[in-house]
């Protein structure tokens, strides 16, 4: 599995988690935080909003970092050196040889 494939899987997982966290939030005070009655509960409304806000920013930062690292996997220090296209072009280069003259062994050419 190449390095880029690993980054692609990680980026997909982080994007899915980011979508879930954003969809749980409601900008008008609803969403998950509205289901808690008051701040007397252990998870309170304010703490839920803080957790969702921090997790959104954290996932966004992770996503940006993964995208930057995946761009390095194309040509930077983390890249794979196994290129099938380069190997094929190097091995299929034509070799020029001098043409062979076929004359029968016992005959002399006509002058």
N, C-alpha and C. Protein backbone atom coordinates (compact mmCIF):
# COMPACT_ATOMS: atom_id res chain seq x y z
N UNK A 1 0.86 -1.17 0.00
CA UNK A 1 0.00 0.00 0.00
C UNK A 1 0.90 1.23 0.00
N UNK A 2 0.62 2.15 -0.89
CA UNK A 2 1.48 3.31 -1.02
C UNK A 2 1.16 4.34 0.08
N UNK A 3 2.05 5.26 0.25
CA UNK A 3 1.89 6.30 1.25
C UNK A 3 0.67 7.17 0.95
N UNK A 4 0.47 7.45 -0.33
CA UNK A 4 -0.67 8.29 -0.71
C UNK A 4 -1.99 7.60 -0.39
N UNK A 5 -2.05 6.29 -0.54
CA UNK A 5 -3.29 5.56 -0.22
C UNK A 5 -3.59 5.62 1.27
N UNK A 6 -2.58 5.56 2.08
CA UNK A 6 -2.77 5.67 3.53
C UNK A 6 -3.30 7.05 3.88
N UNK A 7 -2.71 8.09 3.29
CA UNK A 7 -3.21 9.44 3.54
C UNK A 7 -4.63 9.61 3.04
N UNK A 8 -4.96 9.00 1.92
CA UNK A 8 -6.31 9.11 1.37
C UNK A 8 -7.34 8.50 2.31
N UNK A 9 -7.02 7.37 2.91
CA UNK A 9 -7.93 6.73 3.87
C UNK A 9 -8.08 7.59 5.12
N UNK A 10 -6.98 8.12 5.62
CA UNK A 10 -7.04 8.97 6.82
C UNK A 10 -7.82 10.26 6.56
N UNK A 11 -7.63 10.86 5.39
CA UNK A 11 -8.36 12.08 5.05
C UNK A 11 -9.86 11.80 4.96
N UNK A 12 -10.22 10.65 4.40
CA UNK A 12 -11.63 10.28 4.29
C UNK A 12 -12.26 10.10 5.66
N UNK A 13 -11.56 9.46 6.57
CA UNK A 13 -12.08 9.25 7.93
C UNK A 13 -12.25 10.59 8.65
N UNK A 14 -11.26 11.47 8.56
CA UNK A 14 -11.34 12.77 9.22
C UNK A 14 -12.47 13.60 8.62
N UNK A 15 -12.66 13.54 7.31
CA UNK A 15 -13.76 14.28 6.68
C UNK A 15 -15.11 13.78 7.18
N UNK A 16 -15.26 12.47 7.29
CA UNK A 16 -16.52 11.92 7.80
C UNK A 16 -16.77 12.37 9.23
N UNK A 17 -15.75 12.33 10.08
CA UNK A 17 -15.91 12.78 11.47
C UNK A 17 -16.23 14.26 11.54
N UNK A 18 -15.61 15.05 10.68
CA UNK A 18 -15.86 16.48 10.66
C UNK A 18 -17.31 16.78 10.23
N UNK A 19 -17.81 16.03 9.27
CA UNK A 19 -19.21 16.19 8.85
C UNK A 19 -20.15 15.86 9.99
N UNK A 20 -19.87 14.78 10.71
CA UNK A 20 -20.74 14.39 11.83
C UNK A 20 -20.74 15.45 12.92
N UNK A 21 -19.56 15.97 13.27
CA UNK A 21 -19.47 16.97 14.33
C UNK A 21 -20.18 18.26 13.93
N UNK A 22 -20.04 18.66 12.68
CA UNK A 22 -20.70 19.89 12.22
C UNK A 22 -22.21 19.71 12.16
N UNK A 23 -22.66 18.54 11.75
CA UNK A 23 -24.12 18.32 11.67
C UNK A 23 -24.77 18.25 13.05
N UNK A 24 -24.03 17.85 14.07
CA UNK A 24 -24.57 17.79 15.43
C UNK A 24 -24.79 19.20 15.96
N UNK A 25 -23.95 20.14 15.55
CA UNK A 25 -24.06 21.52 16.04
C UNK A 25 -25.25 22.21 15.40
N UNK A 26 -25.80 23.18 16.13
CA UNK A 26 -26.87 24.02 15.59
C UNK A 26 -26.53 25.45 15.98
N UNK A 27 -26.41 26.36 15.02
CA UNK A 27 -25.96 27.71 15.35
C UNK A 27 -26.95 28.51 16.19
N UNK A 28 -28.20 28.07 16.29
CA UNK A 28 -29.20 28.82 17.05
C UNK A 28 -29.38 28.28 18.46
N UNK A 29 -28.47 27.49 18.92
CA UNK A 29 -28.55 26.98 20.28
C UNK A 29 -29.26 25.64 20.39
N UNK A 30 -29.68 25.09 19.29
CA UNK A 30 -30.35 23.79 19.31
C UNK A 30 -29.34 22.68 19.18
N UNK A 31 -29.70 21.64 18.50
CA UNK A 31 -28.80 20.52 18.27
C UNK A 31 -28.61 19.69 19.52
N UNK A 32 -27.45 19.16 19.68
CA UNK A 32 -27.17 18.28 20.81
C UNK A 32 -27.20 19.06 22.13
N UNK A 33 -26.77 20.31 22.11
CA UNK A 33 -26.72 21.07 23.35
C UNK A 33 -28.11 21.42 23.89
N UNK A 34 -29.14 21.42 23.03
CA UNK A 34 -30.48 21.75 23.52
C UNK A 34 -31.14 20.58 24.23
N UNK A 35 -30.61 19.39 24.08
CA UNK A 35 -31.22 18.23 24.72
C UNK A 35 -30.89 18.17 26.22
N UNK A 36 -29.85 18.88 26.64
CA UNK A 36 -29.52 18.93 28.07
C UNK A 36 -30.32 20.04 28.72
N UNK A 37 -30.91 19.73 29.89
CA UNK A 37 -31.82 20.68 30.52
C UNK A 37 -31.17 21.93 31.05
N UNK A 38 -30.08 21.82 31.72
CA UNK A 38 -29.45 23.00 32.30
C UNK A 38 -28.00 22.76 32.58
N UNK A 39 -27.37 23.76 33.16
CA UNK A 39 -25.95 23.63 33.44
C UNK A 39 -25.69 22.86 34.73
N UNK A 40 -26.74 22.44 35.42
CA UNK A 40 -26.54 21.68 36.64
C UNK A 40 -26.15 20.24 36.33
N UNK A 41 -26.41 19.79 35.13
CA UNK A 41 -26.01 18.44 34.77
C UNK A 41 -24.50 18.39 34.55
N UNK A 42 -23.98 17.19 34.57
CA UNK A 42 -22.54 17.03 34.49
C UNK A 42 -21.99 17.50 33.13
N UNK A 43 -22.70 17.26 32.06
CA UNK A 43 -22.22 17.63 30.74
C UNK A 43 -22.68 19.00 30.32
N UNK A 44 -23.59 19.60 30.96
CA UNK A 44 -24.12 20.93 30.71
C UNK A 44 -24.13 21.42 29.28
N UNK A 45 -24.89 22.45 29.01
CA UNK A 45 -25.00 23.00 27.67
C UNK A 45 -23.70 23.65 27.24
N UNK A 46 -23.10 24.43 28.11
CA UNK A 46 -21.88 25.15 27.75
C UNK A 46 -20.74 24.19 27.47
N UNK A 47 -20.61 23.12 28.26
CA UNK A 47 -19.51 22.18 28.06
C UNK A 47 -19.69 21.41 26.76
N UNK A 48 -20.93 21.09 26.38
CA UNK A 48 -21.16 20.40 25.12
C UNK A 48 -20.78 21.28 23.95
N UNK A 49 -21.16 22.54 24.01
CA UNK A 49 -20.81 23.47 22.93
C UNK A 49 -19.30 23.65 22.83
N UNK A 50 -18.63 23.74 23.98
CA UNK A 50 -17.18 23.87 23.96
C UNK A 50 -16.52 22.63 23.36
N UNK A 51 -17.01 21.45 23.73
CA UNK A 51 -16.45 20.21 23.19
C UNK A 51 -16.64 20.14 21.68
N UNK A 52 -17.82 20.47 21.19
CA UNK A 52 -18.08 20.42 19.76
C UNK A 52 -17.26 21.46 19.01
N UNK A 53 -17.10 22.62 19.61
CA UNK A 53 -16.31 23.68 18.98
C UNK A 53 -14.84 23.28 18.90
N UNK A 54 -14.31 22.76 19.99
CA UNK A 54 -12.90 22.34 20.01
C UNK A 54 -12.66 21.15 19.08
N UNK A 55 -13.61 20.22 19.04
CA UNK A 55 -13.42 19.06 18.16
C UNK A 55 -13.51 19.47 16.69
N UNK A 56 -14.33 20.46 16.37
CA UNK A 56 -14.40 20.95 14.99
C UNK A 56 -13.07 21.56 14.57
N UNK A 57 -12.51 22.42 15.41
CA UNK A 57 -11.23 23.04 15.07
C UNK A 57 -10.09 22.03 15.03
N UNK A 58 -10.13 21.06 15.94
CA UNK A 58 -9.08 20.03 15.96
C UNK A 58 -9.14 19.18 14.70
N UNK A 59 -10.33 18.73 14.32
CA UNK A 59 -10.47 17.92 13.11
C UNK A 59 -10.09 18.71 11.86
N UNK A 60 -10.42 20.00 11.84
CA UNK A 60 -10.05 20.83 10.70
C UNK A 60 -8.53 20.97 10.60
N UNK A 61 -7.87 21.14 11.72
CA UNK A 61 -6.40 21.24 11.72
C UNK A 61 -5.76 19.92 11.30
N UNK A 62 -6.31 18.81 11.76
CA UNK A 62 -5.80 17.50 11.36
C UNK A 62 -5.99 17.29 9.86
N UNK A 63 -7.14 17.71 9.34
CA UNK A 63 -7.40 17.57 7.92
C UNK A 63 -6.41 18.36 7.08
N UNK A 64 -6.14 19.59 7.48
CA UNK A 64 -5.18 20.41 6.74
C UNK A 64 -3.78 19.80 6.81
N UNK A 65 -3.39 19.30 7.98
CA UNK A 65 -2.07 18.68 8.11
C UNK A 65 -1.97 17.42 7.24
N UNK A 66 -3.02 16.61 7.20
CA UNK A 66 -2.98 15.41 6.37
C UNK A 66 -2.90 15.75 4.88
N UNK A 67 -3.59 16.81 4.48
CA UNK A 67 -3.53 17.22 3.08
C UNK A 67 -2.13 17.69 2.72
N UNK A 68 -1.50 18.44 3.61
CA UNK A 68 -0.13 18.91 3.35
C UNK A 68 0.84 17.73 3.28
N UNK A 69 0.69 16.78 4.20
CA UNK A 69 1.58 15.61 4.19
C UNK A 69 1.36 14.74 2.96
N UNK A 70 0.11 14.65 2.51
CA UNK A 70 -0.14 13.85 1.32
C UNK A 70 0.46 14.49 0.07
N UNK A 71 0.54 15.81 0.06
CA UNK A 71 1.19 16.47 -1.08
C UNK A 71 2.69 16.19 -1.09
N UNK A 72 3.28 15.99 0.08
CA UNK A 72 4.70 15.61 0.14
C UNK A 72 4.93 14.21 -0.39
N UNK A 73 3.92 13.36 -0.30
CA UNK A 73 4.10 11.97 -0.73
C UNK A 73 4.20 11.86 -2.25
N UNK A 74 3.85 12.92 -2.99
CA UNK A 74 4.01 12.89 -4.44
C UNK A 74 5.47 13.02 -4.85
N UNK A 75 6.20 13.98 -4.28
CA UNK A 75 7.56 14.19 -4.75
C UNK A 75 8.53 14.56 -3.67
N UNK A 76 8.10 14.55 -2.43
CA UNK A 76 8.98 14.97 -1.35
C UNK A 76 9.75 13.81 -0.75
N UNK A 77 10.13 13.98 0.48
CA UNK A 77 10.96 12.99 1.14
C UNK A 77 10.19 11.74 1.52
N UNK A 78 8.86 11.80 1.54
CA UNK A 78 8.07 10.64 1.91
C UNK A 78 7.58 9.84 0.71
N UNK A 79 8.05 10.15 -0.49
CA UNK A 79 7.49 9.53 -1.69
C UNK A 79 8.02 8.11 -1.88
N UNK A 80 7.21 7.31 -2.58
CA UNK A 80 7.63 5.97 -2.97
C UNK A 80 8.44 6.10 -4.25
N UNK A 81 9.48 5.30 -4.37
CA UNK A 81 10.33 5.38 -5.55
C UNK A 81 9.98 4.31 -6.57
N UNK A 82 8.93 3.57 -6.35
CA UNK A 82 8.52 2.53 -7.28
C UNK A 82 7.62 3.13 -8.34
N UNK A 83 8.15 3.39 -9.51
CA UNK A 83 7.37 3.94 -10.60
C UNK A 83 7.40 2.97 -11.76
N UNK A 84 6.25 2.45 -12.11
CA UNK A 84 6.16 1.48 -13.19
C UNK A 84 6.39 2.16 -14.54
N UNK A 85 5.98 3.40 -14.69
CA UNK A 85 6.12 4.10 -15.97
C UNK A 85 7.59 4.36 -16.27
N UNK A 86 8.34 4.79 -15.27
CA UNK A 86 9.77 5.06 -15.48
C UNK A 86 10.51 3.78 -15.78
N UNK A 87 10.19 2.68 -15.09
CA UNK A 87 10.85 1.41 -15.34
C UNK A 87 10.58 0.91 -16.75
N UNK A 88 9.36 1.07 -17.26
CA UNK A 88 9.03 0.60 -18.61
C UNK A 88 9.75 1.42 -19.67
N UNK A 89 9.88 2.72 -19.50
CA UNK A 89 10.53 3.53 -20.53
C UNK A 89 12.04 3.29 -20.56
N UNK A 90 12.63 2.95 -19.45
CA UNK A 90 14.06 2.69 -19.44
C UNK A 90 14.39 1.34 -20.05
N UNK A 91 13.56 0.34 -19.87
CA UNK A 91 13.86 -1.00 -20.37
C UNK A 91 13.44 -1.21 -21.81
N UNK A 92 12.54 -0.40 -22.33
CA UNK A 92 12.07 -0.61 -23.69
C UNK A 92 12.74 0.32 -24.70
N UNK A 93 13.86 0.88 -24.37
CA UNK A 93 14.58 1.75 -25.31
C UNK A 93 15.13 0.90 -26.44
N UNK A 94 14.94 1.29 -27.71
CA UNK A 94 15.40 0.47 -28.83
C UNK A 94 16.93 0.48 -28.93
N UNK A 95 17.47 -0.67 -29.30
CA UNK A 95 18.91 -0.82 -29.46
C UNK A 95 19.20 -0.83 -30.95
N UNK A 96 20.06 0.09 -31.41
CA UNK A 96 20.39 0.16 -32.84
C UNK A 96 21.56 -0.77 -33.13
N UNK A 97 21.39 -1.60 -34.16
CA UNK A 97 22.46 -2.49 -34.59
C UNK A 97 22.69 -2.30 -36.07
N UNK A 98 23.87 -2.66 -36.54
CA UNK A 98 24.19 -2.57 -37.96
C UNK A 98 23.45 -3.67 -38.71
N UNK A 99 22.94 -3.36 -39.91
CA UNK A 99 22.22 -4.40 -40.67
C UNK A 99 23.17 -5.52 -41.09
N UNK A 100 22.69 -6.72 -41.06
CA UNK A 100 23.49 -7.90 -41.42
C UNK A 100 23.26 -8.18 -42.90
N UNK A 101 24.36 -8.44 -43.63
CA UNK A 101 24.26 -8.71 -45.06
C UNK A 101 24.28 -10.22 -45.25
N UNK A 102 23.21 -10.72 -45.82
CA UNK A 102 23.12 -12.17 -46.02
C UNK A 102 23.53 -12.51 -47.46
N UNK A 103 24.65 -13.17 -47.59
CA UNK A 103 25.10 -13.67 -48.90
C UNK A 103 25.40 -15.14 -48.75
N UNK A 104 25.08 -15.92 -49.75
CA UNK A 104 25.40 -17.37 -49.65
C UNK A 104 26.92 -17.57 -49.53
N UNK A 105 27.31 -18.61 -48.85
CA UNK A 105 28.69 -18.84 -48.53
C UNK A 105 29.56 -19.15 -49.76
N UNK A 106 29.02 -19.83 -50.77
CA UNK A 106 29.85 -20.25 -51.90
C UNK A 106 29.78 -19.35 -53.09
N UNK A 107 29.09 -18.27 -53.06
CA UNK A 107 28.95 -17.43 -54.28
C UNK A 107 29.67 -16.11 -54.09
N UNK A 108 30.13 -15.56 -55.19
CA UNK A 108 30.74 -14.24 -55.19
C UNK A 108 29.74 -13.25 -55.74
N UNK A 109 29.70 -12.07 -55.20
CA UNK A 109 28.77 -11.08 -55.77
C UNK A 109 29.15 -10.68 -57.20
N UNK A 110 28.19 -10.37 -58.01
CA UNK A 110 28.42 -9.99 -59.40
C UNK A 110 28.92 -8.57 -59.45
N UNK A 111 29.99 -8.38 -60.33
CA UNK A 111 30.58 -7.05 -60.42
C UNK A 111 30.08 -6.33 -61.61
